Amino acid sequence: MKNVRPIRVVHYGLGATGRAVAQMVGRTPGLELVGGIDRDPALLQRDLGEVLGLEQPLGISVKDDPVAVLEAARPDIAIVATTSLLKDTYSQIQTCLRARTNVISTCEELVYPYARHRQLAKDLDELACYSGVSVLGVGVNPGFVMDLLPLILTGPSSCVSRISVTRVTNATLRRASLYQRIGAGLTTEQFRDHITDPCNRHIGMLESLHMMADTIGWKVERIDERIEPILSEEWVREGHFAIAPGQIAGIRQVAVGTVEGREAVRLDWQTVVGSQETYDAIVIDGTPPINLLVKGGLHGDQAASALVLHAIRPVVAARCGLLTVTEMPPIRYTAPSA
């Protein structure tokens, strides 16, 4: 069998998501960890293998100079896992593209940047093409469960009039930072101020809605969004954290897209501390009608990391430019020996 050179991977951002992806990469045959970038003083100059909890050191120090790391490591691809907002991630992605490095980013707004940032998307596409590399935003939501998966399910349909997706998750099973993000433990008055910060809500609802509508060919006339708190009806205790009755236990976001005067897309996202019922549900009104229920739902952190891992080879092989998941071959599991 012909020997194939491993794909060289640099990890830009070593927070919880970045480390989870890097750990998977470090244990996957055919992929080689060649650099780590982060600005956290607690990580700088530490061996990347140690930071990731791998079985042995890698002889690679975590550094905060992306230009120097990219120049020294000469990676095939960089995994940028830093922030959710494209305006904050944009310069980091630019740096990688200028180094002629393919990019996968977990930035939610990059999954479908045409929803909010058409000019930034155009600029990234031009720079990626100039450098001869690709850039792709990847995630479980947005990027899969509330947009790509429903689109795939329309394949057997001769017509579709409406798509509805509901995702209910248990915040207890996610990172502790999610508690603060959703306002758990706040009063309703505090919650109103809390959600004025766009980072304290689910980022990706507009991206998912526009991705589906644009891919199908629906012209969205209006989008109605609402965000509401979910109040605890009883004491909820999770470790050292407690929520009293009447305090915020979770959050619900709903976005509805209107096409030709009718509701064509409805997205309903809920996450609650201690939720006993979790699921992902997709309903497609069309011919034939299609209903999919994923009991328990997809675990956001685990699924997102796996999607990034499985996207590495397709992105390295893809055409140059800015891509979306609707333009890629199916991002799927591949056995280690394949």
Protein backbone atom coordinates (compact mmCIF):
# COMPACT_ATOMS: atom_id res chain seq x y z
CA MET A 1 0.00 0.00 0.00
CA LYS A 2 1.32 3.45 -0.93
CA ASN A 3 2.42 5.55 2.03
CA VAL A 4 0.38 8.74 2.35
CA ARG A 5 1.83 11.73 4.18
CA PRO A 6 -0.16 12.62 7.32
CA ILE A 7 -2.26 15.77 7.22
CA ARG A 8 -0.49 18.38 9.33
CA VAL A 9 -2.84 20.17 11.75
CA VAL A 10 -2.39 23.34 13.80
CA HIS A 11 -4.90 24.17 16.53
CA TYR A 12 -5.70 27.85 16.95
CA GLY A 13 -7.58 28.19 20.24
CA LEU A 14 -7.20 25.65 23.03
CA GLY A 15 -10.30 26.27 25.10
CA ALA A 16 -12.74 23.46 25.83
CA THR A 17 -13.80 22.98 22.20
CA GLY A 18 -10.32 23.42 20.77
CA ARG A 19 -8.82 20.90 23.18
CA ALA A 20 -11.57 18.36 22.52
CA VAL A 21 -10.93 18.49 18.78
CA ALA A 22 -7.15 18.41 19.23
CA GLN A 23 -7.41 15.34 21.46
CA MET A 24 -9.34 13.55 18.71
CA VAL A 25 -6.82 14.64 16.09
CA GLY A 26 -3.94 13.45 18.26
CA ARG A 27 -5.45 9.97 18.41
CA THR A 28 -6.43 9.69 14.73
CA PRO A 29 -4.09 7.87 12.31
CA GLY A 30 -3.24 9.96 9.27
CA LEU A 31 -3.43 13.26 11.15
CA GLU A 32 -0.44 14.92 12.79
CA LEU A 33 -0.51 17.64 15.45
CA VAL A 34 2.14 20.19 14.51
CA GLY A 35 1.23 23.33 16.46
CA GLY A 36 -0.90 24.95 19.13
CA ILE A 37 -1.84 28.62 19.42
CA ASP A 38 -3.49 30.28 22.41
CA ARG A 39 -3.13 33.51 24.37
CA ASP A 40 -3.90 32.01 27.80
CA PRO A 41 -0.79 32.61 29.95
CA ALA A 42 -1.46 29.33 31.77
CA LEU A 43 -0.94 27.41 28.51
CA LEU A 44 1.97 29.28 26.95
CA GLN A 45 5.23 27.36 26.53
CA ARG A 46 3.65 24.16 27.84
CA ASP A 47 3.96 21.03 25.72
CA LEU A 48 0.88 20.60 23.54
CA GLY A 49 0.66 16.90 24.37
CA GLU A 50 0.63 17.74 28.09
CA VAL A 51 -2.07 20.39 27.61
CA LEU A 52 -4.22 17.86 25.77
CA GLY A 53 -3.62 15.04 28.23
CA LEU A 54 -2.09 12.78 25.60
CA GLU A 55 -0.06 9.73 26.57
CA GLN A 56 3.25 11.36 25.73
CA PRO A 57 4.64 14.85 25.06
CA LEU A 58 4.79 16.07 21.47
CA GLY A 59 7.82 18.32 21.73
CA ILE A 60 5.67 21.24 20.58
CA SER A 61 5.16 24.30 22.78
CA VAL A 62 1.92 26.28 22.83
CA LYS A 63 2.60 29.81 21.57
CA ASP A 64 0.65 33.02 21.16
CA ASP A 65 2.19 34.13 17.84
CA PRO A 66 0.09 32.63 15.03
CA VAL A 67 2.31 33.95 12.24
CA ALA A 68 5.40 32.33 13.75
CA VAL A 69 3.62 29.04 14.45
CA LEU A 70 2.18 28.80 10.95
CA GLU A 71 5.52 29.65 9.34
CA ALA A 72 7.41 27.07 11.40
CA ALA A 73 4.83 24.27 11.31
CA ARG A 74 3.77 24.53 7.64
CA PRO A 75 0.39 22.92 8.36
CA ASP A 76 -2.08 21.68 5.79
CA ILE A 77 -4.98 22.94 7.89
CA ALA A 78 -5.70 25.07 10.94
CA ILE A 79 -8.59 24.42 13.31
CA VAL A 80 -9.71 27.85 14.55
CA ALA A 81 -11.78 27.41 17.71
CA THR A 82 -11.85 30.80 19.37
CA THR A 83 -15.09 32.82 19.28
CA SER A 84 -18.67 32.65 18.01
CA LEU A 85 -18.75 36.02 16.24
CA LEU A 86 -17.18 36.38 12.80
CA LYS A 87 -16.03 39.94 13.42
CA ASP A 88 -13.83 38.61 16.22
CA THR A 89 -12.59 35.53 14.35
CA TYR A 90 -12.08 37.23 10.99
CA SER A 91 -8.49 38.41 11.48
CA GLN A 92 -7.45 35.02 12.89
CA ILE A 93 -8.80 33.26 9.81
CA GLN A 94 -7.14 35.86 7.57
CA THR A 95 -3.78 35.10 9.17
CA CYS A 96 -4.16 31.40 8.38
CA LEU A 97 -5.28 31.99 4.81
CA ARG A 98 -2.36 34.34 4.15
CA ALA A 99 -0.09 31.52 5.29
CA ARG A 100 -1.72 29.35 2.58
CA THR A 101 -3.33 27.15 5.21
CA ASN A 102 -6.79 25.60 4.88
CA VAL A 103 -9.14 26.53 7.72
CA ILE A 104 -11.96 24.87 9.62
CA SER A 105 -13.54 27.14 12.20
CA THR A 106 -16.10 26.49 14.92
CA CYS A 107 -17.26 30.13 14.65
CA GLU A 108 -21.06 29.83 14.49
CA GLU A 109 -21.52 32.82 12.20
CA LEU A 110 -19.03 31.37 9.69
CA VAL A 111 -21.21 28.29 9.19
CA TYR A 112 -23.42 30.42 6.94
CA PRO A 113 -21.91 33.94 6.88
CA TYR A 114 -24.26 35.14 4.15
CA ALA A 115 -26.96 35.55 6.81
CA ARG A 116 -25.23 38.54 8.45
CA HIS A 117 -21.81 39.20 6.92
CA ARG A 118 -21.93 39.10 3.13
CA GLN A 119 -18.99 41.46 2.67
CA LEU A 120 -16.77 39.57 5.12
CA ALA A 121 -17.76 36.35 3.37
CA LYS A 122 -16.81 37.83 0.00
CA ASP A 123 -13.45 39.00 1.35
CA LEU A 124 -12.65 35.61 2.87
CA ASP A 125 -13.62 33.83 -0.33
CA GLU A 126 -11.34 36.06 -2.40
CA LEU A 127 -8.40 35.67 0.00
CA ALA A 128 -8.83 31.89 0.19
CA CYS A 129 -8.94 31.61 -3.60
CA TYR A 130 -5.89 33.87 -3.94
CA SER A 131 -4.01 31.63 -1.50
CA GLY A 132 -5.27 28.42 -3.11
CA VAL A 133 -6.89 27.08 0.07
CA SER A 134 -10.34 26.48 1.55
CA VAL A 135 -12.20 27.77 4.60
CA LEU A 136 -15.27 26.15 6.19
CA GLY A 137 -17.40 26.82 9.25
CA VAL A 138 -18.39 23.60 11.03
CA GLY A 139 -20.62 22.84 14.01
CA VAL A 140 -23.50 20.76 15.27
CA ASN A 141 -25.82 23.76 15.67
CA PRO A 142 -25.58 25.63 13.42
CA GLY A 143 -24.06 23.35 10.83
CA PHE A 144 -25.91 20.08 11.23
CA VAL A 145 -28.91 19.27 13.38
CA MET A 146 -31.07 22.36 12.72
CA ASP A 147 -30.11 22.98 9.08
CA LEU A 148 -28.00 20.46 7.16
CA LEU A 149 -29.78 17.36 8.48
CA PRO A 150 -33.27 18.73 7.60
CA LEU A 151 -32.00 19.63 4.13
CA ILE A 152 -30.68 16.11 3.59
CA LEU A 153 -34.03 14.71 4.71
CA THR A 154 -35.81 16.65 1.93
CA GLY A 155 -34.03 14.45 -0.63
CA PRO A 156 -36.95 11.98 -1.03
CA SER A 157 -39.51 14.81 -1.21
CA SER A 158 -41.26 15.78 -4.44
CA CYS A 159 -42.40 19.00 -2.75
CA VAL A 160 -41.83 20.72 0.60
CA SER A 161 -44.00 23.46 2.08
CA ARG A 162 -42.61 23.77 5.61
CA ILE A 163 -39.71 22.64 7.79
CA SER A 164 -39.87 22.66 11.57
CA VAL A 165 -36.96 21.77 13.86
CA THR A 166 -37.08 21.56 17.65
CA ARG A 167 -33.98 20.96 19.75
CA VAL A 168 -34.28 20.49 23.52
CA THR A 169 -31.08 19.97 25.51
CA ASN A 170 -30.08 19.53 29.13
CA ALA A 171 -27.67 22.31 30.05
CA THR A 172 -26.36 20.15 32.89
CA LEU A 173 -24.66 17.87 30.37
CA ARG A 174 -22.78 20.74 28.72
CA ARG A 175 -19.88 22.90 29.83
CA ALA A 176 -20.41 24.85 33.06
CA SER A 177 -20.01 28.15 31.17
CA LEU A 178 -23.37 27.48 29.52
CA TYR A 179 -25.12 28.08 32.87
CA GLN A 180 -23.92 31.68 32.86
CA ARG A 181 -24.62 32.14 29.17
CA ILE A 182 -28.30 31.16 29.46
CA GLY A 183 -28.82 33.16 32.66
CA ALA A 184 -29.44 30.21 34.97
CA GLY A 185 -30.27 31.41 38.48
CA LEU A 186 -31.19 34.96 37.44
CA THR A 187 -34.48 36.67 38.11
CA THR A 188 -36.73 37.55 35.17
CA GLU A 189 -35.71 41.21 35.51
CA GLN A 190 -32.02 40.33 35.41
CA PHE A 191 -32.66 38.04 32.45
CA ARG A 192 -34.02 40.91 30.34
CA ASP A 193 -30.73 42.77 30.69
CA HIS A 194 -28.72 39.56 30.32
CA ILE A 195 -29.98 38.70 26.84
CA THR A 196 -29.17 42.13 25.40
CA ASP A 197 -25.65 40.72 24.99
CA PRO A 198 -25.72 38.66 21.76
CA CYS A 199 -23.27 36.18 23.28
CA ASN A 200 -25.83 35.27 25.96
CA ARG A 201 -28.12 33.52 23.53
CA HIS A 202 -27.89 30.82 20.91
CA ILE A 203 -25.82 32.15 18.02
CA GLY A 204 -26.77 30.47 14.78
CA MET A 205 -30.54 30.69 14.48
CA LEU A 206 -30.43 33.13 11.56
CA GLU A 207 -27.60 31.16 9.97
CA SER A 208 -29.63 27.93 10.06
CA LEU A 209 -32.79 29.57 8.77
CA HIS A 210 -31.08 31.33 5.86
CA MET A 211 -29.02 28.25 4.99
CA MET A 212 -32.15 26.16 4.56
CA ALA A 213 -34.17 28.81 2.75
CA ASP A 214 -31.36 29.76 0.36
CA THR A 215 -30.49 26.15 -0.42
CA ILE A 216 -34.11 25.25 -1.15
CA GLY A 217 -34.67 28.45 -3.13
CA TRP A 218 -37.18 30.12 -0.82
CA LYS A 219 -37.16 33.91 -0.65
CA VAL A 220 -37.68 34.83 2.99
CA GLU A 221 -39.95 37.85 3.34
CA ARG A 222 -39.81 38.19 7.11
CA ILE A 223 -38.12 36.62 10.10
CA ASP A 224 -39.72 36.78 13.52
CA GLU A 225 -37.56 35.92 16.52
CA ARG A 226 -38.38 35.69 20.18
CA ILE A 227 -36.40 34.78 23.26
CA GLU A 228 -38.06 33.84 26.51
CA PRO A 229 -36.89 32.48 29.86
CA ILE A 230 -37.83 29.07 31.19
CA LEU A 231 -38.55 29.34 34.91
CA SER A 232 -37.78 26.67 37.45
CA GLU A 233 -40.86 25.20 39.13
CA GLU A 234 -38.85 23.63 41.96
CA TRP A 235 -35.41 23.70 43.51
CA VAL A 236 -32.74 22.48 41.09
CA ARG A 237 -29.34 21.55 42.49
CA GLU A 238 -26.40 20.60 40.30
CA GLY A 239 -23.18 20.26 42.25
CA HIS A 240 -22.53 23.59 43.99
CA PHE A 241 -25.07 25.36 41.79
CA ALA A 242 -28.69 25.87 42.90
CA ILE A 243 -31.74 27.42 41.22
CA ALA A 244 -34.72 28.44 43.32
CA PRO A 245 -38.34 28.18 42.16
CA GLY A 246 -39.16 31.17 39.97
CA GLN A 247 -35.56 31.74 38.91
CA ILE A 248 -34.28 31.19 35.39
CA ALA A 249 -33.60 27.51 34.66
CA GLY A 250 -33.21 27.80 30.90
CA ILE A 251 -33.88 29.68 27.72
CA ARG A 252 -36.05 29.22 24.66
CA GLN A 253 -35.43 30.84 21.27
CA VAL A 254 -37.79 30.61 18.34
CA ALA A 255 -37.24 31.90 14.80
CA VAL A 256 -39.91 31.78 12.11
CA GLY A 257 -39.27 32.49 8.44
CA THR A 258 -42.17 33.60 6.24
CA VAL A 259 -42.21 32.75 2.52
CA GLU A 260 -45.02 33.88 0.20
CA GLY A 261 -47.13 34.83 3.19
CA ARG A 262 -46.85 31.47 4.96
CA GLU A 263 -44.71 30.03 7.71
CA ALA A 264 -42.04 28.05 5.86
CA VAL A 265 -39.33 27.53 8.49
CA ARG A 266 -39.72 27.25 12.26
CA LEU A 267 -36.71 26.73 14.51
CA ASP A 268 -37.25 26.13 18.23
CA TRP A 269 -34.18 25.81 20.48
CA GLN A 270 -34.42 25.18 24.21
CA THR A 271 -31.87 24.37 26.87
CA VAL A 272 -32.76 23.84 30.52
CA VAL A 273 -30.68 22.97 33.57
CA GLY A 274 -31.77 19.52 34.71
CA SER A 275 -34.16 18.90 31.81
CA GLN A 276 -35.53 15.36 31.99
CA GLU A 277 -36.60 15.26 28.34
CA THR A 278 -34.08 15.96 25.59
CA TYR A 279 -34.48 15.38 21.87
CA ASP A 280 -34.02 16.67 18.34
CA ALA A 281 -37.18 16.63 16.23
CA ILE A 282 -37.48 17.43 12.53
CA VAL A 283 -40.85 17.69 10.80
CA ILE A 284 -41.04 18.22 7.04
CA ASP A 285 -44.45 19.06 5.62
CA GLY A 286 -44.42 17.85 2.05
CA THR A 287 -44.79 14.84 -0.18
CA PRO A 288 -44.17 12.55 1.58
CA PRO A 289 -44.41 14.01 5.10
CA ILE A 290 -41.25 13.22 7.07
CA ASN A 291 -40.77 13.07 10.84
CA LEU A 292 -37.46 12.34 12.54
CA LEU A 293 -37.01 12.11 16.30
CA VAL A 294 -33.56 11.68 17.86
CA LYS A 295 -34.29 10.59 21.43
CA GLY A 296 -31.87 12.15 23.85
CA GLY A 297 -30.66 14.52 21.14
CA LEU A 298 -27.11 15.00 19.92
CA HIS A 299 -24.67 16.08 22.62
CA GLY A 300 -23.51 19.49 21.40
CA ASP A 301 -19.87 19.43 22.50
CA GLN A 302 -19.17 15.83 21.51
CA ALA A 303 -20.95 16.05 18.18
CA ALA A 304 -19.32 19.35 17.23
CA SER A 305 -15.83 18.00 17.90
CA ALA A 306 -16.50 14.88 15.82
CA LEU A 307 -17.88 16.94 12.93
CA VAL A 308 -14.74 19.07 12.87
CA LEU A 309 -12.55 15.95 12.91
CA HIS A 310 -14.45 14.33 10.05
CA ALA A 311 -14.33 17.54 7.98
CA ILE A 312 -10.53 17.75 7.93
CA ARG A 313 -9.86 15.47 4.96
CA PRO A 314 -12.76 16.82 2.83
CA VAL A 315 -11.65 20.42 3.39
CA VAL A 316 -8.03 19.69 2.48
CA ALA A 317 -9.29 18.07 -0.73
CA ALA A 318 -11.91 20.74 -1.53
CA ARG A 319 -11.84 23.51 -4.10
CA CYS A 320 -10.40 26.80 -2.95
CA GLY A 321 -12.55 29.54 -1.47
CA LEU A 322 -15.13 29.97 1.26
CA LEU A 323 -17.37 26.92 1.50
CA THR A 324 -20.50 25.99 3.43
CA VAL A 325 -21.52 22.53 4.60
CA THR A 326 -24.21 22.42 1.89
CA GLU A 327 -21.45 22.48 -0.75
CA MET A 328 -19.35 19.74 0.82
CA PRO A 329 -19.61 15.97 0.39
CA PRO A 330 -21.31 14.40 3.43
CA ILE A 331 -19.20 14.88 6.55
CA ARG A 332 -19.24 11.37 7.95
CA TYR A 333 -17.39 8.92 10.12
CA THR A 334 -14.49 7.03 8.57
CA ALA A 335 -12.95 3.99 10.26
CA PRO A 336 -9.33 4.60 11.39
CA SER A 337 -7.99 1.93 9.03
CA ALA A 338 -9.80 3.34 5.97
